[in-house]
Amino acid sequence: MICSFMYFYYKVKQNESILDIVKTNHVRYKDVATLNENIDLKYLTGGCLIKIPANSCCCKKGSFYRIKQGENMFSISNKYKVAVDKIIVANPNFDLNTYIHGQTIIVPHRSFFINNKKYYVIKIGEDIVSICKKLGLKPTQIIALNPHLAPLDYVVGVKIKVY
């Protein structure tokens, strides 16, 4: 069972399936279905708001923050002393052009973005193979350095150990 304060609202993008959403947010389909029992998840449309359970992966990144009326990314960035681009990395499905007050985002902890060559934060369009090419490593090396990550955990915003 999921407590009501342990979820955030997610705005579905055009042509995005529930499987895409589940993979991106590191959650189980069953948990999303439980939170959205009045919505047919097989037929989502762009712009629809659904509830996504907050999970331990997200909590490692930072704190959940509900956007208040009149706030924007710049004001939130200033309030928490975190750059806007870092907020965007921590929220890969967040659309700066269409966010609304009441929407919940992750405000990353500064420690999540350690400026240290021992760690790498996965960027949009990257996967383990492209990261290996970029850093001159083998996939087996990255997997060995990150035994706590499952194959589907290598997604945008995740910090991985590389050395």
C-alpha atoms as a PDB file:
ATOM      1  CA  MET A   1       0.000   0.000   0.000  1.00  0.00           C
ATOM      2  CA  ILE A   2       1.215   3.502  -0.827  1.00  0.00           C
ATOM      3  CA  CYS A   3       0.634   6.455   1.512  1.00  0.00           C
ATOM      4  CA  SER A   4      -1.013   9.481  -0.104  1.00  0.00           C
ATOM      5  CA  PHE A   5       1.947  11.740   0.684  1.00  0.00           C
ATOM      6  CA  MET A   6       4.342   9.355  -1.032  1.00  0.00           C
ATOM      7  CA  TYR A   7       3.516  10.224  -4.634  1.00  0.00           C
ATOM      8  CA  PHE A   8       3.884  13.079  -7.091  1.00  0.00           C
ATOM      9  CA  TYR A   9       1.935  14.149 -10.150  1.00  0.00           C
ATOM     10  CA  TYR A  10       3.384  13.438 -13.558  1.00  0.00           C
ATOM     11  CA  LYS A  11       2.215  15.074 -16.797  1.00  0.00           C
ATOM     12  CA  VAL A  12       2.115  12.497 -19.605  1.00  0.00           C
ATOM     13  CA  LYS A  13       3.857  13.525 -22.825  1.00  0.00           C
ATOM     14  CA  GLN A  14       2.394  13.028 -26.294  1.00  0.00           C
ATOM     15  CA  ASN A  15       2.803   9.383 -27.460  1.00  0.00           C
ATOM     16  CA  GLU A  16       4.267   8.304 -24.110  1.00  0.00           C
ATOM     17  CA  SER A  17       3.189   4.882 -22.873  1.00  0.00           C
ATOM     18  CA  ILE A  18       2.762   3.711 -19.308  1.00  0.00           C
ATOM     19  CA  LEU A  19       5.740   1.392 -19.833  1.00  0.00           C
ATOM     20  CA  ASP A  20       7.923   4.381 -20.773  1.00  0.00           C
ATOM     21  CA  ILE A  21       6.767   6.212 -17.652  1.00  0.00           C
ATOM     22  CA  VAL A  22       7.371   3.214 -15.377  1.00  0.00           C
ATOM     23  CA  LYS A  23      10.912   2.686 -16.709  1.00  0.00           C
ATOM     24  CA  THR A  24      11.846   6.360 -16.545  1.00  0.00           C
ATOM     25  CA  ASN A  25      10.591   6.808 -12.989  1.00  0.00           C
ATOM     26  CA  HIS A  26      11.954   3.478 -11.651  1.00  0.00           C
ATOM     27  CA  VAL A  27       8.593   2.329 -10.340  1.00  0.00           C
ATOM     28  CA  ARG A  28       6.459  -0.770 -10.655  1.00  0.00           C
ATOM     29  CA  TYR A  29       3.418  -0.805 -12.934  1.00  0.00           C
ATOM     30  CA  LYS A  30       1.363  -2.310 -10.110  1.00  0.00           C
ATOM     31  CA  ASP A  31       2.114   0.674  -7.837  1.00  0.00           C
ATOM     32  CA  VAL A  32       1.191   3.205 -10.526  1.00  0.00           C
ATOM     33  CA  ALA A  33      -2.035   1.299 -11.228  1.00  0.00           C
ATOM     34  CA  THR A  34      -2.912   1.305  -7.507  1.00  0.00           C
ATOM     35  CA  LEU A  35      -2.516   5.075  -7.291  1.00  0.00           C
ATOM     36  CA  ASN A  36      -4.498   5.655 -10.493  1.00  0.00           C
ATOM     37  CA  GLU A  37      -7.289   3.095 -10.202  1.00  0.00           C
ATOM     38  CA  ASN A  38      -9.821   5.398 -11.937  1.00  0.00           C
ATOM     39  CA  ILE A  39      -7.598   5.902 -15.015  1.00  0.00           C
ATOM     40  CA  ASP A  40      -7.166   3.380 -17.837  1.00  0.00           C
ATOM     41  CA  LEU A  41      -3.358   3.394 -18.029  1.00  0.00           C
ATOM     42  CA  LYS A  42      -3.375   1.578 -21.374  1.00  0.00           C
ATOM     43  CA  TYR A  43      -4.912   4.614 -23.087  1.00  0.00           C
ATOM     44  CA  LEU A  44      -3.018   7.627 -21.716  1.00  0.00           C
ATOM     45  CA  THR A  45      -3.078  10.864 -23.665  1.00  0.00           C
ATOM     46  CA  GLY A  46      -0.584  13.713 -23.715  1.00  0.00           C
ATOM     47  CA  GLY A  47      -1.272  16.247 -20.980  1.00  0.00           C
ATOM     48  CA  CYS A  48      -2.990  13.771 -18.657  1.00  0.00           C
ATOM     49  CA  LEU A  49      -1.841  13.959 -15.011  1.00  0.00           C
ATOM     50  CA  ILE A  50      -1.174  10.688 -13.215  1.00  0.00           C
ATOM     51  CA  LYS A  51       0.227   9.869  -9.793  1.00  0.00           C
ATOM     52  CA  ILE A  52       3.691   8.312  -9.593  1.00  0.00           C
ATOM     53  CA  PRO A  53       4.849   6.716  -6.337  1.00  0.00           C
ATOM     54  CA  ALA A  54       7.875   8.302  -4.738  1.00  0.00           C
ATOM     55  CA  ASN A  55      10.546   5.669  -4.449  1.00  0.00           C
ATOM     56  CA  SER A  56      13.893   5.312  -2.754  1.00  0.00           C
ATOM     57  CA  CYS A  57      15.748   6.058  -6.012  1.00  0.00           C
ATOM     58  CA  CYS A  58      14.179   9.490  -6.198  1.00  0.00           C
ATOM     59  CA  CYS A  59      14.827  10.159  -2.540  1.00  0.00           C
ATOM     60  CA  LYS A  60      18.559   9.595  -3.092  1.00  0.00           C
ATOM     61  CA  LYS A  61      18.550  12.442  -5.611  1.00  0.00           C
ATOM     62  CA  GLY A  62      16.998  15.080  -3.419  1.00  0.00           C
ATOM     63  CA  SER A  63      13.806  16.338  -1.837  1.00  0.00           C
ATOM     64  CA  PHE A  64      10.344  16.451  -3.309  1.00  0.00           C
ATOM     65  CA  TYR A  65       9.015  19.985  -3.736  1.00  0.00           C
ATOM     66  CA  ARG A  66       5.514  21.048  -4.716  1.00  0.00           C
ATOM     67  CA  ILE A  67       5.565  24.115  -6.981  1.00  0.00           C
ATOM     68  CA  LYS A  68       3.582  27.007  -5.515  1.00  0.00           C
ATOM     69  CA  GLN A  69       1.540  29.518  -7.503  1.00  0.00           C
ATOM     70  CA  GLY A  70       3.747  32.260  -8.926  1.00  0.00           C
ATOM     71  CA  GLU A  71       6.959  30.244  -8.624  1.00  0.00           C
ATOM     72  CA  ASN A  72       9.205  29.412 -11.536  1.00  0.00           C
ATOM     73  CA  MET A  73      12.390  27.374 -11.913  1.00  0.00           C
ATOM     74  CA  PHE A  74      14.560  30.442 -11.336  1.00  0.00           C
ATOM     75  CA  SER A  75      12.872  31.279  -8.014  1.00  0.00           C
ATOM     76  CA  ILE A  76      13.051  27.638  -6.862  1.00  0.00           C
ATOM     77  CA  SER A  77      16.690  27.493  -7.966  1.00  0.00           C
ATOM     78  CA  ASN A  78      17.493  30.607  -5.910  1.00  0.00           C
ATOM     79  CA  LYS A  79      15.515  29.374  -2.902  1.00  0.00           C
ATOM     80  CA  TYR A  80      17.463  26.101  -2.697  1.00  0.00           C
ATOM     81  CA  LYS A  81      20.790  27.356  -4.122  1.00  0.00           C
ATOM     82  CA  VAL A  82      20.718  24.726  -6.892  1.00  0.00           C
ATOM     83  CA  ALA A  83      21.218  25.579 -10.570  1.00  0.00           C
ATOM     84  CA  VAL A  84      18.182  25.257 -12.854  1.00  0.00           C
ATOM     85  CA  ASP A  85      20.044  22.802 -15.112  1.00  0.00           C
ATOM     86  CA  LYS A  86      20.634  20.521 -12.129  1.00  0.00           C
ATOM     87  CA  ILE A  87      16.906  20.589 -11.303  1.00  0.00           C
ATOM     88  CA  ILE A  88      16.215  19.648 -14.928  1.00  0.00           C
ATOM     89  CA  VAL A  89      18.672  16.711 -14.749  1.00  0.00           C
ATOM     90  CA  ALA A  90      16.990  15.442 -11.569  1.00  0.00           C
ATOM     91  CA  ASN A  91      13.589  15.635 -13.329  1.00  0.00           C
ATOM     92  CA  PRO A  92      14.144  14.159 -16.811  1.00  0.00           C
ATOM     93  CA  ASN A  93      10.433  14.202 -17.704  1.00  0.00           C
ATOM     94  CA  PHE A  94       9.813  17.725 -16.471  1.00  0.00           C
ATOM     95  CA  ASP A  95       8.808  20.215 -19.153  1.00  0.00           C
ATOM     96  CA  LEU A  96       9.879  23.785 -18.381  1.00  0.00           C
ATOM     97  CA  ASN A  97       7.278  25.126 -20.810  1.00  0.00           C
ATOM     98  CA  THR A  98       4.227  23.432 -19.350  1.00  0.00           C
ATOM     99  CA  TYR A  99       4.727  22.988 -15.605  1.00  0.00           C
ATOM    100  CA  ILE A 100       1.890  24.034 -13.313  1.00  0.00           C
ATOM    101  CA  HIS A 101       1.621  25.003  -9.670  1.00  0.00           C
ATOM    102  CA  GLY A 102       0.855  21.990  -7.518  1.00  0.00           C
ATOM    103  CA  GLN A 103       3.166  19.804  -9.600  1.00  0.00           C
ATOM    104  CA  THR A 104       5.858  18.001  -7.619  1.00  0.00           C
ATOM    105  CA  ILE A 105       9.494  17.989  -8.677  1.00  0.00           C
ATOM    106  CA  ILE A 106      12.745  16.769  -7.181  1.00  0.00           C
ATOM    107  CA  VAL A 107      15.086  19.466  -5.919  1.00  0.00           C
ATOM    108  CA  PRO A 108      18.457  17.703  -5.945  1.00  0.00           C
ATOM    109  CA  HIS A 109      20.793  17.710  -2.974  1.00  0.00           C
ATOM    110  CA  ARG A 110      24.048  19.439  -3.781  1.00  0.00           C
ATOM    111  CA  SER A 111      25.876  16.245  -2.818  1.00  0.00           C
ATOM    112  CA  PHE A 112      24.088  14.439  -5.644  1.00  0.00           C
ATOM    113  CA  PHE A 113      26.118  16.480  -8.133  1.00  0.00           C
ATOM    114  CA  ILE A 114      29.590  15.872  -6.831  1.00  0.00           C
ATOM    115  CA  ASN A 115      32.041  17.505  -9.218  1.00  0.00           C
ATOM    116  CA  ASN A 116      34.360  14.567  -9.033  1.00  0.00           C
ATOM    117  CA  LYS A 117      35.724  12.448 -11.849  1.00  0.00           C
ATOM    118  CA  LYS A 118      34.930   9.297  -9.900  1.00  0.00           C
ATOM    119  CA  TYR A 119      31.221   9.800 -10.678  1.00  0.00           C
ATOM    120  CA  TYR A 120      29.231  10.530 -13.799  1.00  0.00           C
ATOM    121  CA  VAL A 121      25.606  11.720 -14.129  1.00  0.00           C
ATOM    122  CA  ILE A 122      23.821  10.143 -17.088  1.00  0.00           C
ATOM    123  CA  LYS A 123      22.581  12.718 -19.604  1.00  0.00           C
ATOM    124  CA  ILE A 124      19.713  12.686 -22.115  1.00  0.00           C
ATOM    125  CA  GLY A 125      20.329  10.264 -24.972  1.00  0.00           C
ATOM    126  CA  GLU A 126      23.063   8.323 -23.177  1.00  0.00           C
ATOM    127  CA  ASP A 127      23.158   4.667 -22.304  1.00  0.00           C
ATOM    128  CA  ILE A 128      25.861   2.490 -20.799  1.00  0.00           C
ATOM    129  CA  VAL A 129      27.478   1.844 -24.207  1.00  0.00           C
ATOM    130  CA  SER A 130      27.712   5.536 -25.173  1.00  0.00           C
ATOM    131  CA  ILE A 131      29.062   6.415 -21.715  1.00  0.00           C
ATOM    132  CA  CYS A 132      31.727   3.734 -22.060  1.00  0.00           C
ATOM    133  CA  LYS A 133      32.787   5.109 -25.453  1.00  0.00           C
ATOM    134  CA  LYS A 134      32.923   8.635 -24.054  1.00  0.00           C
ATOM    135  CA  LEU A 135      35.011   7.637 -21.014  1.00  0.00           C
ATOM    136  CA  GLY A 136      37.085   4.870 -22.589  1.00  0.00           C
ATOM    137  CA  LEU A 137      35.666   2.142 -20.350  1.00  0.00           C
ATOM    138  CA  LYS A 138      34.061  -1.256 -20.855  1.00  0.00           C
ATOM    139  CA  PRO A 139      30.432  -1.915 -19.817  1.00  0.00           C
ATOM    140  CA  THR A 140      31.626  -4.689 -17.489  1.00  0.00           C
ATOM    141  CA  GLN A 141      33.764  -2.150 -15.594  1.00  0.00           C
ATOM    142  CA  ILE A 142      30.826   0.199 -14.997  1.00  0.00           C
ATOM    143  CA  ILE A 143      28.551  -2.674 -13.997  1.00  0.00           C
ATOM    144  CA  ALA A 144      31.174  -3.963 -11.531  1.00  0.00           C
ATOM    145  CA  LEU A 145      31.554  -0.476  -9.991  1.00  0.00           C
ATOM    146  CA  ASN A 146      27.767  -0.115  -9.599  1.00  0.00           C
ATOM    147  CA  PRO A 147      26.483  -3.476  -8.316  1.00  0.00           C
ATOM    148  CA  HIS A 148      23.515  -1.749  -6.650  1.00  0.00           C
ATOM    149  CA  LEU A 149      22.066  -0.734 -10.048  1.00  0.00           C
ATOM    150  CA  ALA A 150      19.872  -2.979 -12.176  1.00  0.00           C
ATOM    151  CA  PRO A 151      20.107  -2.704 -15.986  1.00  0.00           C
ATOM    152  CA  LEU A 152      17.009  -0.470 -16.179  1.00  0.00           C
ATOM    153  CA  ASP A 153      18.447   1.894 -13.544  1.00  0.00           C
ATOM    154  CA  TYR A 154      20.914   3.437 -16.018  1.00  0.00           C
ATOM    155  CA  VAL A 155      18.693   6.391 -16.969  1.00  0.00           C
ATOM    156  CA  VAL A 156      18.940  10.185 -17.187  1.00  0.00           C
ATOM    157  CA  GLY A 157      19.944  11.836 -13.921  1.00  0.00           C
ATOM    158  CA  VAL A 158      21.380   8.740 -12.240  1.00  0.00           C
ATOM    159  CA  LYS A 159      24.867   9.206 -10.773  1.00  0.00           C
ATOM    160  CA  ILE A 160      27.129   6.243 -11.467  1.00  0.00           C
ATOM    161  CA  LYS A 161      30.614   5.419 -10.275  1.00  0.00           C
ATOM    162  CA  VAL A 162      33.101   5.283 -13.153  1.00  0.00           C
ATOM    163  CA  TYR A 163      36.521   4.989 -11.437  1.00  0.00           C
END
